[in-house]
Every structure is written in C-alpha cells, then in structure tokens.
Amino acid sequence: MWYFAWILGLPLAAAFAVLNAMWFELMEDDAIRRDRLEPHEKP
C-alpha cells in the first residue's frame, strides 16, 4: 500500500511547488510594478 502514498504525495508536492513558484513570481512582479509607479528617492 506504500504506492498510494506515492500516487497521492507526488502530485500534491508538485502542485505545491508550482503554486509556490507562481506566488513568488507574482510578488516579484508586484514589487517591480510598485517601484516603477512610485520610484524611491535616493539621498
């Protein structure tokens, strides 16, 4: 029955990895967009 853990675990781990990568890309794009709209003043 160990194969049930593999059948269920591998797709869940892969889905988590993909969603995590998409989240970090979204956060990076949002930071870039904010910097373009509101440039920080450098002293």
C-alpha atoms as a PDB file:
ATOM      1  CA  MET A   1       0.000   0.000   0.000  1.00  0.00           C
ATOM      2  CA  TRP A   2       3.009   2.305   0.030  1.00  0.00           C
ATOM      3  CA  TYR A   3       2.277   3.174  -3.591  1.00  0.00           C
ATOM      4  CA  PHE A   4      -0.888   5.020  -2.564  1.00  0.00           C
ATOM      5  CA  ALA A   5       1.262   7.440  -0.597  1.00  0.00           C
ATOM      6  CA  TRP A   6       3.445   7.953  -3.682  1.00  0.00           C
ATOM      7  CA  ILE A   7       0.438   8.309  -6.021  1.00  0.00           C
ATOM      8  CA  LEU A   8      -1.127  10.930  -3.751  1.00  0.00           C
ATOM      9  CA  GLY A   9       2.036  12.531  -2.400  1.00  0.00           C
ATOM     10  CA  LEU A  10       3.995  13.252  -5.556  1.00  0.00           C
ATOM     11  CA  PRO A  11       1.244  15.194  -7.371  1.00  0.00           C
ATOM     12  CA  LEU A  12       0.480  17.158  -4.202  1.00  0.00           C
ATOM     13  CA  ALA A  13       4.151  18.028  -3.735  1.00  0.00           C
ATOM     14  CA  ALA A  14       4.452  19.022  -7.398  1.00  0.00           C
ATOM     15  CA  ALA A  15       1.293  21.148  -7.197  1.00  0.00           C
ATOM     16  CA  PHE A  16       2.611  22.843  -4.060  1.00  0.00           C
ATOM     17  CA  ALA A  17       5.928  23.587  -5.772  1.00  0.00           C
ATOM     18  CA  VAL A  18       4.202  25.069  -8.826  1.00  0.00           C
ATOM     19  CA  LEU A  19       1.851  27.216  -6.740  1.00  0.00           C
ATOM     20  CA  ASN A  20       4.767  28.372  -4.592  1.00  0.00           C
ATOM     21  CA  ALA A  21       6.747  29.395  -7.689  1.00  0.00           C
ATOM     22  CA  MET A  22       3.720  31.226  -9.106  1.00  0.00           C
ATOM     23  CA  TRP A  23       3.257  33.067  -5.796  1.00  0.00           C
ATOM     24  CA  PHE A  24       6.876  34.236  -5.689  1.00  0.00           C
ATOM     25  CA  GLU A  25       6.694  35.384  -9.318  1.00  0.00           C
ATOM     26  CA  LEU A  26       3.522  37.328  -8.514  1.00  0.00           C
ATOM     27  CA  MET A  27       5.138  39.000  -5.503  1.00  0.00           C
ATOM     28  CA  GLU A  28       8.265  39.895  -7.509  1.00  0.00           C
ATOM     29  CA  ASP A  29       6.194  41.355 -10.356  1.00  0.00           C
ATOM     30  CA  ASP A  30       4.153  43.364  -7.853  1.00  0.00           C
ATOM     31  CA  ALA A  31       7.315  44.784  -6.274  1.00  0.00           C
ATOM     32  CA  ILE A  32       8.685  45.754  -9.701  1.00  0.00           C
ATOM     33  CA  ARG A  33       5.376  47.386 -10.642  1.00  0.00           C
ATOM     34  CA  ARG A  34       5.323  49.356  -7.368  1.00  0.00           C
ATOM     35  CA  ASP A  35       8.886  50.566  -7.917  1.00  0.00           C
ATOM     36  CA  ARG A  36       8.000  51.785 -11.401  1.00  0.00           C
ATOM     37  CA  LEU A  37       4.880  53.606 -10.238  1.00  0.00           C
ATOM     38  CA  GLU A  38       6.406  55.080  -7.081  1.00  0.00           C
ATOM     39  CA  PRO A  39      10.157  55.446  -7.521  1.00  0.00           C
ATOM     40  CA  HIS A  40      12.024  55.781  -4.249  1.00  0.00           C
ATOM     41  CA  GLU A  41      14.029  58.928  -3.721  1.00  0.00           C
ATOM     42  CA  LYS A  42      17.672  58.158  -3.071  1.00  0.00           C
ATOM     43  CA  PRO A  43      19.513  60.690  -0.871  1.00  0.00           C
END
